[in-house]
Amino acid sequence: MRYARRARGVRAGPCIAGHPVPEHWEALLGDLAREMVRRLGAKDVEDAARQIFHYPALLHTAVCSPQIAVEGRYGGEWARLCTAGEAPMGAGVRFPEAPADARIPLDIYLGPCALWSLKTGNVVINWRKHAPDLYPAYSRWDGRYPHAYFRDVFPAVAFEAADQLGLVGLANARCGRRGRRCTAVAAWVYWIRHRRMPQIDQQLGRLLSFDLV
């Protein structure tokens, strides 16, 4: 495959789309941030980050039409965005492990980064299978303003549990019928409350510690 352009100095994957902090984009995306600004006709990195945050399909447009070859550790994630229309679907963050006896009645195992995947057949199947308690809301979503929409429809029990247990306690609780750790639910709570992706803040050593316990 011939690529329109190559991007070096990229130290983050597509999940940065849900993290509209321009200085973090500039620090972590290198050449890619500048090319995305150009392709979107944005005024600057802040404007490009804002556009992609509110209109997730623009991420695919900015990187894949035509495809930019992203070098380094995250190249595979960017390539998958272009070839399959998929951003990373999991929680994407490692919270500290801690004893937790709580059980949260939610089966949600996809993280908020999944919102920047295109609505392909495979993506829809993933949502239905791995986030059944959020899938009805996802199926009604029109693809715009994800933060505003999911802030209003995300199950209140998740925020109540975070307030009671702390974010680490929530992440270590067991979720729904499957009994897996609630890491993805904790990632959603963090993203909805802060408009920042926990994995990006964690990578930068800036995970908002006051919200963890």
N, C-alpha and C. Protein backbone atom coordinates (compact mmCIF):
# COMPACT_ATOMS: atom_id res chain seq x y z
N MET A 1 0.84 -1.20 0.00
CA MET A 1 0.00 0.00 0.00
C MET A 1 0.88 1.25 0.00
N ARG A 2 0.49 2.23 -0.79
CA ARG A 2 1.18 3.51 -0.77
C ARG A 2 0.42 4.46 0.14
N TYR A 3 1.15 5.13 0.99
CA TYR A 3 0.53 6.05 1.94
C TYR A 3 0.72 7.49 1.47
N ALA A 4 -0.27 8.32 1.80
CA ALA A 4 -0.19 9.73 1.42
C ALA A 4 0.89 10.44 2.20
N ARG A 5 1.11 10.00 3.42
CA ARG A 5 2.04 10.69 4.30
C ARG A 5 2.43 9.75 5.44
N ARG A 6 3.59 9.98 6.02
CA ARG A 6 4.01 9.23 7.19
C ARG A 6 4.09 10.17 8.38
N ALA A 7 3.70 9.67 9.54
CA ALA A 7 3.72 10.49 10.75
C ALA A 7 4.68 9.87 11.76
N ARG A 8 5.61 10.68 12.22
CA ARG A 8 6.59 10.24 13.22
C ARG A 8 6.30 10.95 14.54
N GLY A 9 6.89 10.42 15.59
CA GLY A 9 6.75 11.04 16.90
C GLY A 9 5.37 10.87 17.52
N VAL A 10 4.64 9.83 17.10
CA VAL A 10 3.29 9.60 17.63
C VAL A 10 3.38 8.70 18.86
N ARG A 11 2.91 9.19 19.99
CA ARG A 11 3.02 8.46 21.25
C ARG A 11 1.65 8.20 21.89
N ALA A 12 0.61 8.18 21.07
CA ALA A 12 -0.73 7.85 21.56
C ALA A 12 -1.53 7.24 20.42
N GLY A 13 -2.55 6.48 20.78
CA GLY A 13 -3.41 5.86 19.79
C GLY A 13 -4.67 6.67 19.56
N PRO A 14 -5.63 6.12 18.83
CA PRO A 14 -6.85 6.84 18.50
C PRO A 14 -7.68 7.28 19.70
N CYS A 15 -7.47 6.68 20.87
CA CYS A 15 -8.27 7.06 22.03
C CYS A 15 -8.05 8.51 22.45
N ILE A 16 -7.00 9.14 21.97
CA ILE A 16 -6.79 10.54 22.29
C ILE A 16 -7.91 11.40 21.71
N ALA A 17 -8.69 10.86 20.78
CA ALA A 17 -9.82 11.59 20.22
C ALA A 17 -10.83 12.00 21.29
N GLY A 18 -10.95 11.21 22.35
CA GLY A 18 -11.87 11.52 23.44
C GLY A 18 -11.26 12.37 24.52
N HIS A 19 -10.15 13.00 24.22
CA HIS A 19 -9.34 13.73 25.21
C HIS A 19 -8.95 15.08 24.59
N PRO A 20 -9.87 16.04 24.51
CA PRO A 20 -9.62 17.26 23.74
C PRO A 20 -8.78 18.30 24.49
N VAL A 21 -7.57 17.90 24.85
CA VAL A 21 -6.64 18.80 25.55
C VAL A 21 -5.52 19.11 24.57
N PRO A 22 -5.50 20.31 23.97
CA PRO A 22 -4.59 20.56 22.84
C PRO A 22 -3.12 20.37 23.17
N GLU A 23 -2.70 20.73 24.38
CA GLU A 23 -1.29 20.55 24.70
C GLU A 23 -0.91 19.07 24.76
N HIS A 24 -1.86 18.21 25.12
CA HIS A 24 -1.59 16.77 25.13
C HIS A 24 -1.55 16.24 23.70
N TRP A 25 -2.41 16.74 22.84
CA TRP A 25 -2.34 16.37 21.42
C TRP A 25 -0.98 16.74 20.84
N GLU A 26 -0.54 17.95 21.11
CA GLU A 26 0.74 18.40 20.55
C GLU A 26 1.89 17.58 21.09
N ALA A 27 1.83 17.22 22.38
CA ALA A 27 2.92 16.47 23.00
C ALA A 27 2.96 15.02 22.52
N LEU A 28 1.79 14.43 22.25
CA LEU A 28 1.72 12.99 21.99
C LEU A 28 1.54 12.61 20.52
N LEU A 29 1.07 13.52 19.69
CA LEU A 29 0.77 13.15 18.31
C LEU A 29 1.80 13.64 17.30
N GLY A 30 2.63 14.59 17.67
CA GLY A 30 3.69 15.01 16.76
C GLY A 30 3.18 15.41 15.39
N ASP A 31 3.79 14.83 14.34
CA ASP A 31 3.42 15.16 12.96
C ASP A 31 1.94 14.91 12.68
N LEU A 32 1.38 13.91 13.33
CA LEU A 32 0.00 13.53 13.04
C LEU A 32 -0.97 14.65 13.40
N ALA A 33 -0.74 15.32 14.52
CA ALA A 33 -1.62 16.41 14.91
C ALA A 33 -1.63 17.51 13.87
N ARG A 34 -0.47 17.86 13.36
CA ARG A 34 -0.39 18.93 12.36
C ARG A 34 -1.09 18.54 11.06
N GLU A 35 -0.95 17.27 10.67
CA GLU A 35 -1.61 16.82 9.44
C GLU A 35 -3.12 16.78 9.62
N MET A 36 -3.59 16.42 10.80
CA MET A 36 -5.03 16.41 11.05
C MET A 36 -5.60 17.82 11.00
N VAL A 37 -4.88 18.77 11.53
CA VAL A 37 -5.31 20.17 11.44
C VAL A 37 -5.47 20.57 9.98
N ARG A 38 -4.48 20.23 9.18
CA ARG A 38 -4.52 20.60 7.76
C ARG A 38 -5.69 19.94 7.05
N ARG A 39 -5.89 18.66 7.28
CA ARG A 39 -6.94 17.94 6.55
C ARG A 39 -8.35 18.39 6.94
N LEU A 40 -8.52 18.78 8.18
CA LEU A 40 -9.84 19.22 8.63
C LEU A 40 -10.10 20.69 8.34
N GLY A 41 -9.08 21.40 7.87
CA GLY A 41 -9.23 22.84 7.67
C GLY A 41 -9.43 23.56 8.99
N ALA A 42 -8.86 23.00 10.06
CA ALA A 42 -9.03 23.58 11.39
C ALA A 42 -8.10 24.77 11.58
N LYS A 43 -8.44 25.62 12.53
CA LYS A 43 -7.61 26.79 12.81
C LYS A 43 -6.30 26.40 13.48
N ASP A 44 -6.36 25.40 14.34
CA ASP A 44 -5.19 24.98 15.11
C ASP A 44 -5.49 23.62 15.72
N VAL A 45 -4.57 23.13 16.53
CA VAL A 45 -4.76 21.81 17.16
C VAL A 45 -5.98 21.82 18.08
N GLU A 46 -6.19 22.88 18.80
CA GLU A 46 -7.35 22.95 19.69
C GLU A 46 -8.65 22.80 18.91
N ASP A 47 -8.73 23.46 17.76
CA ASP A 47 -9.93 23.37 16.93
C ASP A 47 -10.11 21.96 16.37
N ALA A 48 -9.03 21.34 15.92
CA ALA A 48 -9.12 19.97 15.40
C ALA A 48 -9.56 19.00 16.50
N ALA A 49 -8.99 19.13 17.69
CA ALA A 49 -9.36 18.26 18.81
C ALA A 49 -10.83 18.43 19.16
N ARG A 50 -11.30 19.67 19.13
CA ARG A 50 -12.71 19.94 19.45
C ARG A 50 -13.63 19.32 18.40
N GLN A 51 -13.30 19.49 17.12
CA GLN A 51 -14.14 18.92 16.06
C GLN A 51 -14.26 17.41 16.19
N ILE A 52 -13.13 16.75 16.40
CA ILE A 52 -13.13 15.28 16.48
C ILE A 52 -13.81 14.79 17.75
N PHE A 53 -13.69 15.55 18.83
CA PHE A 53 -14.37 15.19 20.08
C PHE A 53 -15.88 15.20 19.90
N HIS A 54 -16.39 16.19 19.19
CA HIS A 54 -17.84 16.33 19.02
C HIS A 54 -18.39 15.51 17.85
N TYR A 55 -17.57 15.25 16.86
CA TYR A 55 -18.01 14.51 15.67
C TYR A 55 -17.03 13.35 15.42
N PRO A 56 -17.21 12.23 16.11
CA PRO A 56 -16.22 11.15 16.08
C PRO A 56 -15.84 10.64 14.69
N ALA A 57 -16.76 10.65 13.73
CA ALA A 57 -16.43 10.13 12.40
C ALA A 57 -15.33 10.94 11.73
N LEU A 58 -15.12 12.18 12.19
CA LEU A 58 -14.06 13.00 11.61
C LEU A 58 -12.67 12.43 11.89
N LEU A 59 -12.54 11.62 12.93
CA LEU A 59 -11.23 11.01 13.20
C LEU A 59 -10.81 10.14 12.02
N HIS A 60 -11.73 9.33 11.53
CA HIS A 60 -11.44 8.48 10.38
C HIS A 60 -11.13 9.32 9.15
N THR A 61 -11.89 10.38 8.94
CA THR A 61 -11.66 11.28 7.81
C THR A 61 -10.26 11.88 7.88
N ALA A 62 -9.87 12.33 9.07
CA ALA A 62 -8.62 13.06 9.23
C ALA A 62 -7.39 12.18 9.08
N VAL A 63 -7.53 10.89 9.37
CA VAL A 63 -6.36 10.00 9.36
C VAL A 63 -6.35 9.06 8.17
N CYS A 64 -7.52 8.76 7.63
CA CYS A 64 -7.63 7.65 6.68
C CYS A 64 -8.02 8.04 5.27
N SER A 65 -8.21 9.30 4.99
CA SER A 65 -8.68 9.71 3.65
C SER A 65 -7.74 10.72 2.99
N PRO A 66 -6.64 10.26 2.40
CA PRO A 66 -6.09 8.89 2.36
C PRO A 66 -5.33 8.57 3.64
N GLN A 67 -4.96 7.30 3.77
CA GLN A 67 -4.39 6.81 5.02
C GLN A 67 -3.00 7.37 5.28
N ILE A 68 -2.80 7.79 6.52
CA ILE A 68 -1.48 8.20 6.99
C ILE A 68 -0.82 6.98 7.65
N ALA A 69 0.42 6.74 7.32
CA ALA A 69 1.17 5.65 7.94
C ALA A 69 1.78 6.17 9.24
N VAL A 70 1.26 5.69 10.35
CA VAL A 70 1.75 6.12 11.66
C VAL A 70 2.84 5.16 12.10
N GLU A 71 4.01 5.69 12.40
CA GLU A 71 5.13 4.87 12.82
C GLU A 71 5.14 4.71 14.34
N GLY A 72 5.80 3.66 14.80
CA GLY A 72 5.99 3.47 16.22
C GLY A 72 4.98 2.54 16.87
N ARG A 73 4.97 2.56 18.19
CA ARG A 73 4.21 1.62 19.01
C ARG A 73 2.72 1.61 18.68
N TYR A 74 2.16 2.76 18.35
CA TYR A 74 0.71 2.85 18.16
C TYR A 74 0.30 2.74 16.70
N GLY A 75 1.25 2.41 15.83
CA GLY A 75 0.93 2.32 14.42
C GLY A 75 -0.18 1.33 14.11
N GLY A 76 -0.18 0.20 14.81
CA GLY A 76 -1.20 -0.81 14.57
C GLY A 76 -2.60 -0.33 14.90
N GLU A 77 -2.74 0.44 15.97
CA GLU A 77 -4.06 0.96 16.34
C GLU A 77 -4.58 1.93 15.28
N TRP A 78 -3.68 2.80 14.79
CA TRP A 78 -4.11 3.75 13.75
C TRP A 78 -4.42 3.03 12.44
N ALA A 79 -3.64 2.01 12.12
CA ALA A 79 -3.91 1.25 10.90
C ALA A 79 -5.25 0.54 10.98
N ARG A 80 -5.59 0.00 12.15
CA ARG A 80 -6.87 -0.69 12.30
C ARG A 80 -8.04 0.29 12.18
N LEU A 81 -7.84 1.51 12.66
CA LEU A 81 -8.88 2.52 12.47
C LEU A 81 -9.20 2.68 10.99
N CYS A 82 -8.15 2.68 10.17
CA CYS A 82 -8.35 2.90 8.73
C CYS A 82 -8.86 1.65 8.01
N THR A 83 -8.36 0.49 8.37
CA THR A 83 -8.73 -0.72 7.63
C THR A 83 -10.06 -1.32 8.09
N ALA A 84 -10.36 -1.21 9.38
CA ALA A 84 -11.58 -1.83 9.92
C ALA A 84 -12.56 -0.82 10.50
N GLY A 85 -12.14 0.44 10.59
CA GLY A 85 -13.01 1.46 11.17
C GLY A 85 -13.13 1.35 12.68
N GLU A 86 -12.16 0.69 13.32
CA GLU A 86 -12.26 0.42 14.75
C GLU A 86 -11.18 1.13 15.55
N ALA A 87 -11.61 1.89 16.55
CA ALA A 87 -10.72 2.37 17.59
C ALA A 87 -10.64 1.27 18.66
N PRO A 88 -9.63 1.30 19.54
CA PRO A 88 -9.57 0.29 20.60
C PRO A 88 -10.88 0.25 21.39
N MET A 89 -11.38 -0.94 21.62
CA MET A 89 -12.72 -1.09 22.19
C MET A 89 -12.72 -1.34 23.70
N GLY A 90 -11.58 -1.72 24.27
CA GLY A 90 -11.54 -2.05 25.69
C GLY A 90 -11.43 -0.83 26.57
N ALA A 91 -11.28 -1.07 27.88
CA ALA A 91 -11.17 0.04 28.83
C ALA A 91 -9.92 0.87 28.57
N GLY A 92 -8.80 0.20 28.25
CA GLY A 92 -7.59 0.91 27.87
C GLY A 92 -6.78 1.49 29.00
N VAL A 93 -7.16 1.21 30.25
CA VAL A 93 -6.47 1.80 31.39
C VAL A 93 -6.31 0.73 32.47
N ARG A 94 -5.20 0.79 33.20
CA ARG A 94 -4.95 -0.14 34.30
C ARG A 94 -5.08 0.63 35.61
N PHE A 95 -6.16 0.39 36.32
CA PHE A 95 -6.31 0.97 37.65
C PHE A 95 -5.57 0.09 38.65
N PRO A 96 -5.10 0.66 39.76
CA PRO A 96 -4.46 -0.16 40.78
C PRO A 96 -5.41 -1.25 41.28
N GLU A 97 -4.86 -2.41 41.58
CA GLU A 97 -5.69 -3.49 42.12
C GLU A 97 -5.90 -3.27 43.61
N ALA A 98 -7.10 -3.57 44.07
CA ALA A 98 -7.44 -3.40 45.47
C ALA A 98 -8.55 -4.39 45.81
N PRO A 99 -8.61 -4.84 47.07
CA PRO A 99 -9.70 -5.74 47.46
C PRO A 99 -11.05 -5.04 47.28
N ALA A 100 -12.01 -5.75 46.75
CA ALA A 100 -13.34 -5.18 46.56
C ALA A 100 -14.36 -6.30 46.55
N ASP A 101 -15.36 -6.18 47.42
CA ASP A 101 -16.41 -7.19 47.49
C ASP A 101 -17.67 -6.75 46.77
N ALA A 102 -17.68 -5.52 46.29
CA ALA A 102 -18.90 -4.99 45.68
C ALA A 102 -19.19 -5.65 44.34
N ARG A 103 -20.46 -5.68 44.02
CA ARG A 103 -20.90 -6.15 42.71
C ARG A 103 -21.83 -5.10 42.12
N ILE A 104 -21.54 -4.69 40.89
CA ILE A 104 -22.29 -3.63 40.23
C ILE A 104 -23.17 -4.28 39.15
N PRO A 105 -24.46 -4.00 39.14
CA PRO A 105 -25.36 -4.69 38.20
C PRO A 105 -25.31 -4.12 36.79
N LEU A 106 -24.12 -4.10 36.21
CA LEU A 106 -23.94 -3.59 34.85
C LEU A 106 -23.03 -4.52 34.07
N ASP A 107 -23.42 -4.85 32.86
CA ASP A 107 -22.54 -5.57 31.95
C ASP A 107 -22.09 -4.60 30.86
N ILE A 108 -20.99 -3.90 31.14
CA ILE A 108 -20.39 -2.95 30.20
C ILE A 108 -18.89 -3.19 30.22
N TYR A 109 -18.37 -3.73 29.11
CA TYR A 109 -16.95 -4.07 29.05
C TYR A 109 -16.24 -3.38 27.89
N LEU A 110 -16.90 -2.44 27.25
CA LEU A 110 -16.25 -1.57 26.27
C LEU A 110 -16.03 -0.21 26.91
N GLY A 111 -14.88 0.40 26.61
CA GLY A 111 -14.59 1.72 27.14
C GLY A 111 -15.11 2.82 26.23
N PRO A 112 -15.03 4.07 26.67
CA PRO A 112 -15.54 5.19 25.87
C PRO A 112 -14.80 5.38 24.55
N CYS A 113 -13.57 4.91 24.45
CA CYS A 113 -12.84 5.02 23.18
C CYS A 113 -13.58 4.35 22.04
N ALA A 114 -14.40 3.35 22.35
CA ALA A 114 -15.16 2.64 21.32
C ALA A 114 -16.09 3.56 20.55
N LEU A 115 -16.41 4.72 21.11
CA LEU A 115 -17.29 5.67 20.42
C LEU A 115 -16.65 6.25 19.17
N TRP A 116 -15.32 6.15 19.05
CA TRP A 116 -14.64 6.70 17.87
C TRP A 116 -14.43 5.63 16.80
N SER A 117 -15.07 4.48 16.97
CA SER A 117 -15.15 3.50 15.89
C SER A 117 -16.31 3.85 14.97
N LEU A 118 -16.17 3.56 13.70
CA LEU A 118 -17.29 3.73 12.79
C LEU A 118 -18.37 2.69 13.13
N LYS A 119 -19.61 3.00 12.80
CA LYS A 119 -20.71 2.07 13.11
C LYS A 119 -20.82 1.00 12.04
N THR A 120 -19.81 0.16 11.96
CA THR A 120 -19.85 -0.97 11.03
C THR A 120 -20.62 -2.12 11.66
N GLY A 121 -20.91 -3.13 10.85
CA GLY A 121 -21.61 -4.29 11.38
C GLY A 121 -20.86 -4.96 12.51
N ASN A 122 -19.54 -5.12 12.37
CA ASN A 122 -18.75 -5.77 13.42
C ASN A 122 -18.72 -4.94 14.69
N VAL A 123 -18.65 -3.63 14.55
CA VAL A 123 -18.64 -2.76 15.73
C VAL A 123 -19.97 -2.86 16.47
N VAL A 124 -21.06 -2.84 15.75
CA VAL A 124 -22.38 -2.95 16.37
C VAL A 124 -22.51 -4.29 17.11
N ILE A 125 -22.02 -5.36 16.50
CA ILE A 125 -22.05 -6.67 17.17
C ILE A 125 -21.23 -6.63 18.46
N ASN A 126 -20.07 -5.99 18.42
CA ASN A 126 -19.24 -5.86 19.62
C ASN A 126 -19.99 -5.13 20.73
N TRP A 127 -20.66 -4.05 20.39
CA TRP A 127 -21.44 -3.31 21.39
C TRP A 127 -22.54 -4.18 21.98
N ARG A 128 -23.26 -4.87 21.15
CA ARG A 128 -24.37 -5.68 21.64
C ARG A 128 -23.86 -6.81 22.54
N LYS A 129 -22.70 -7.36 22.19
CA LYS A 129 -22.17 -8.51 22.94
C LYS A 129 -21.45 -8.09 24.21
N HIS A 130 -20.67 -7.02 24.14
CA HIS A 130 -19.78 -6.67 25.25
C HIS A 130 -20.23 -5.46 26.07
N ALA A 131 -21.30 -4.81 25.66
CA ALA A 131 -21.85 -3.72 26.46
C ALA A 131 -23.38 -3.76 26.39
N PRO A 132 -23.98 -4.91 26.74
CA PRO A 132 -25.43 -5.05 26.55
C PRO A 132 -26.25 -4.04 27.34
N ASP A 133 -25.73 -3.58 28.47
CA ASP A 133 -26.50 -2.62 29.26
C ASP A 133 -26.37 -1.18 28.75
N LEU A 134 -25.50 -0.97 27.78
CA LEU A 134 -25.37 0.35 27.16
C LEU A 134 -25.77 0.32 25.69
N TYR A 135 -25.94 -0.87 25.16
CA TYR A 135 -26.23 -0.99 23.73
C TYR A 135 -27.52 -0.29 23.30
N PRO A 136 -28.62 -0.36 24.06
CA PRO A 136 -29.82 0.35 23.61
C PRO A 136 -29.58 1.85 23.42
N ALA A 137 -28.83 2.46 24.35
CA ALA A 137 -28.51 3.89 24.20
C ALA A 137 -27.59 4.11 23.00
N TYR A 138 -26.61 3.22 22.82
CA TYR A 138 -25.71 3.35 21.67
C TYR A 138 -26.48 3.24 20.36
N SER A 139 -27.44 2.34 20.29
CA SER A 139 -28.18 2.14 19.05
C SER A 139 -29.03 3.36 18.69
N ARG A 140 -29.37 4.18 19.68
CA ARG A 140 -30.16 5.40 19.42
C ARG A 140 -29.30 6.62 19.17
N TRP A 141 -28.02 6.52 19.43
CA TRP A 141 -27.11 7.66 19.30
C TRP A 141 -26.91 8.00 17.83
N ASP A 142 -26.94 9.31 17.50
CA ASP A 142 -26.82 9.73 16.10
C ASP A 142 -25.38 9.97 15.65
N GLY A 143 -24.41 9.66 16.51
CA GLY A 143 -23.01 9.78 16.12
C GLY A 143 -22.38 11.13 16.38
N ARG A 144 -23.13 12.05 16.99
CA ARG A 144 -22.60 13.38 17.27
C ARG A 144 -22.61 13.64 18.78
N TYR A 145 -21.75 14.54 19.22
CA TYR A 145 -21.70 14.98 20.62
C TYR A 145 -21.76 13.80 21.60
N PRO A 146 -20.80 12.91 21.52
CA PRO A 146 -20.86 11.70 22.36
C PRO A 146 -20.84 12.00 23.85
N HIS A 147 -20.05 12.98 24.26
CA HIS A 147 -19.95 13.25 25.69
C HIS A 147 -21.28 13.74 26.24
N ALA A 148 -21.88 14.71 25.57
CA ALA A 148 -23.16 15.24 26.03
C ALA A 148 -24.24 14.16 26.06
N TYR A 149 -24.24 13.31 25.04
CA TYR A 149 -25.27 12.27 24.96
C TYR A 149 -25.08 11.21 26.05
N PHE A 150 -23.87 10.66 26.16
CA PHE A 150 -23.68 9.55 27.09
C PHE A 150 -23.62 10.03 28.54
N ARG A 151 -23.30 11.29 28.76
CA ARG A 151 -23.39 11.85 30.11
C ARG A 151 -24.82 11.74 30.64
N ASP A 152 -25.78 11.92 29.75
CA ASP A 152 -27.18 11.91 30.17
C ASP A 152 -27.79 10.51 30.24
N VAL A 153 -27.22 9.55 29.52
CA VAL A 153 -27.85 8.22 29.47
C VAL A 153 -27.07 7.14 30.20
N PHE A 154 -25.83 7.43 30.62
CA PHE A 154 -25.05 6.38 31.28
C PHE A 154 -25.71 6.03 32.61
N PRO A 155 -25.78 4.75 32.96
CA PRO A 155 -26.53 4.34 34.15
C PRO A 155 -26.05 5.03 35.43
N ALA A 156 -27.01 5.59 36.16
CA ALA A 156 -26.69 6.35 37.37
C ALA A 156 -26.00 5.48 38.42
N VAL A 157 -26.28 4.18 38.42
CA VAL A 157 -25.68 3.30 39.42
C VAL A 157 -24.16 3.34 39.35
N ALA A 158 -23.60 3.60 38.19
CA ALA A 158 -22.14 3.66 38.06
C ALA A 158 -21.57 4.84 38.83
N PHE A 159 -22.22 5.99 38.74
CA PHE A 159 -21.74 7.17 39.44
C PHE A 159 -21.96 7.03 40.95
N GLU A 160 -23.07 6.43 41.32
CA GLU A 160 -23.32 6.19 42.74
C GLU A 160 -22.25 5.27 43.32
N ALA A 161 -21.88 4.24 42.57
CA ALA A 161 -20.84 3.31 43.04
C ALA A 161 -19.49 4.01 43.13
N ALA A 162 -19.18 4.87 42.15
CA ALA A 162 -17.91 5.60 42.19
C ALA A 162 -17.85 6.52 43.40
N ASP A 163 -18.97 7.17 43.73
CA ASP A 163 -18.99 8.05 44.90
C ASP A 163 -18.83 7.25 46.19
N GLN A 164 -19.37 6.06 46.21
CA GLN A 164 -19.31 5.24 47.42
C GLN A 164 -17.97 4.52 47.57
N LEU A 165 -17.46 3.99 46.47
CA LEU A 165 -16.28 3.12 46.52
C LEU A 165 -14.99 3.82 46.12
N GLY A 166 -15.09 4.99 45.46
CA GLY A 166 -13.94 5.58 44.80
C GLY A 166 -13.74 4.91 43.45
N LEU A 167 -12.98 5.56 42.60
CA LEU A 167 -12.83 5.02 41.25
C LEU A 167 -12.06 3.70 41.25
N VAL A 168 -11.05 3.57 42.09
CA VAL A 168 -10.30 2.31 42.18
C VAL A 168 -11.20 1.20 42.71
N GLY A 169 -12.01 1.53 43.72
CA GLY A 169 -12.95 0.53 44.24
C GLY A 169 -13.93 0.08 43.18
N LEU A 170 -14.43 1.04 42.39
CA LEU A 170 -15.35 0.68 41.31
C LEU A 170 -14.65 -0.20 40.28
N ALA A 171 -13.43 0.17 39.90
CA ALA A 171 -12.70 -0.61 38.89
C ALA A 171 -12.45 -2.04 39.35
N ASN A 172 -12.32 -2.25 40.65
CA ASN A 172 -12.05 -3.59 41.18
C ASN A 172 -13.31 -4.35 41.58
N ALA A 173 -14.45 -3.69 41.56
CA ALA A 173 -15.71 -4.38 41.81
C ALA A 173 -16.00 -5.35 40.67
N ARG A 174 -16.94 -6.23 40.88
CA ARG A 174 -17.32 -7.19 39.85
C ARG A 174 -18.60 -6.71 39.18
N CYS A 175 -18.62 -6.88 37.87
CA CYS A 175 -19.71 -6.32 37.09
C CYS A 175 -20.67 -7.39 36.58
N GLY A 176 -21.96 -7.11 36.77
CA GLY A 176 -23.03 -7.83 36.11
C GLY A 176 -23.00 -9.34 36.25
N ARG A 177 -23.56 -9.99 35.27
CA ARG A 177 -23.68 -11.45 35.30
C ARG A 177 -22.36 -12.15 35.05
N ARG A 178 -21.44 -11.48 34.36
CA ARG A 178 -20.18 -12.14 34.00
C ARG A 178 -19.16 -12.12 35.13
N GLY A 179 -19.32 -11.19 36.06
CA GLY A 179 -18.43 -11.15 37.20
C GLY A 179 -17.03 -10.67 36.91
N ARG A 180 -16.83 -9.99 35.79
CA ARG A 180 -15.51 -9.44 35.47
C ARG A 180 -15.33 -8.09 36.16
N ARG A 181 -14.08 -7.67 36.29
CA ARG A 181 -13.80 -6.38 36.93
C ARG A 181 -14.47 -5.26 36.15
N CYS A 182 -14.87 -4.22 36.87
CA CYS A 182 -15.61 -3.10 36.28
C CYS A 182 -14.68 -2.01 35.75
N THR A 183 -13.56 -2.41 35.18
CA THR A 183 -12.58 -1.43 34.70
C THR A 183 -13.19 -0.50 33.65
N ALA A 184 -13.94 -1.05 32.72
CA ALA A 184 -14.52 -0.22 31.66
C ALA A 184 -15.53 0.76 32.23
N VAL A 185 -16.33 0.32 33.19
CA VAL A 185 -17.31 1.22 33.81
C VAL A 185 -16.58 2.38 34.50
N ALA A 186 -15.49 2.08 35.19
CA ALA A 186 -14.71 3.13 35.84
C ALA A 186 -14.13 4.09 34.81
N ALA A 187 -13.69 3.57 33.67
CA ALA A 187 -13.17 4.45 32.61
C ALA A 187 -14.25 5.39 32.10
N TRP A 188 -15.47 4.89 31.94
CA TRP A 188 -16.59 5.75 31.52
C TRP A 188 -16.86 6.85 32.54
N VAL A 189 -16.89 6.49 33.80
CA VAL A 189 -17.16 7.48 34.84
C VAL A 189 -16.10 8.58 34.81
N TYR A 190 -14.85 8.19 34.69
CA TYR A 190 -13.76 9.17 34.64
C TYR A 190 -13.93 10.08 33.43
N TRP A 191 -14.19 9.49 32.27
CA TRP A 191 -14.31 10.29 31.04
C TRP A 191 -15.51 11.23 31.10
N ILE A 192 -16.63 10.74 31.57
CA ILE A 192 -17.83 11.59 31.63
C ILE A 192 -17.63 12.74 32.61
N ARG A 193 -16.98 12.49 33.72
CA ARG A 193 -16.81 13.54 34.73
C ARG A 193 -15.73 14.55 34.36
N HIS A 194 -14.74 14.13 33.61
CA HIS A 194 -13.59 15.01 33.36
C HIS A 194 -13.38 15.40 31.90
N ARG A 195 -14.11 14.77 30.97
CA ARG A 195 -13.89 15.02 29.54
C ARG A 195 -12.45 14.72 29.15
N ARG A 196 -11.87 13.72 29.77
CA ARG A 196 -10.49 13.30 29.52
C ARG A 196 -10.44 11.78 29.57
N MET A 197 -9.62 11.19 28.71
CA MET A 197 -9.48 9.74 28.71
C MET A 197 -8.50 9.32 29.81
N PRO A 198 -8.89 8.38 30.67
CA PRO A 198 -8.01 8.02 31.77
C PRO A 198 -6.68 7.44 31.30
N GLN A 199 -6.68 6.71 30.16
CA GLN A 199 -5.42 6.12 29.71
C GLN A 199 -4.43 7.19 29.24
N ILE A 200 -4.94 8.32 28.72
CA ILE A 200 -4.05 9.40 28.31
C ILE A 200 -3.49 10.10 29.54
N ASP A 201 -4.37 10.40 30.51
CA ASP A 201 -3.88 11.01 31.74
C ASP A 201 -2.91 10.08 32.46
N GLN A 202 -3.19 8.78 32.44
CA GLN A 202 -2.29 7.82 33.09
C GLN A 202 -0.93 7.81 32.40
N GLN A 203 -0.94 7.83 31.08
CA GLN A 203 0.31 7.83 30.33
C GLN A 203 1.16 9.05 30.67
N LEU A 204 0.49 10.19 30.88
CA LEU A 204 1.19 11.43 31.17
C LEU A 204 1.46 11.61 32.66
N GLY A 205 1.06 10.62 33.48
CA GLY A 205 1.26 10.74 34.91
C GLY A 205 0.34 11.75 35.55
N ARG A 206 -0.83 11.99 34.91
CA ARG A 206 -1.73 13.03 35.39
C ARG A 206 -3.11 12.49 35.71
N LEU A 207 -3.23 11.18 35.93
CA LEU A 207 -4.52 10.64 36.31
C LEU A 207 -4.99 11.39 37.55
N LEU A 208 -6.19 11.90 37.50
CA LEU A 208 -6.65 12.83 38.53
C LEU A 208 -6.86 12.08 39.83
N SER A 209 -5.83 12.07 40.66
CA SER A 209 -5.78 11.18 41.82
C SER A 209 -6.88 11.49 42.83
N PHE A 210 -7.36 12.73 42.87
CA PHE A 210 -8.40 13.04 43.85
C PHE A 210 -9.67 12.26 43.59
N ASP A 211 -9.84 11.75 42.39
CA ASP A 211 -11.06 11.02 42.04
C ASP A 211 -10.89 9.51 42.20
N LEU A 212 -9.72 9.06 42.60
CA LEU A 212 -9.47 7.62 42.60
C LEU A 212 -9.93 6.93 43.87
N VAL A 213 -9.92 7.64 44.99
CA VAL A 213 -10.25 6.98 46.25
C VAL A 213 -11.35 7.74 46.98
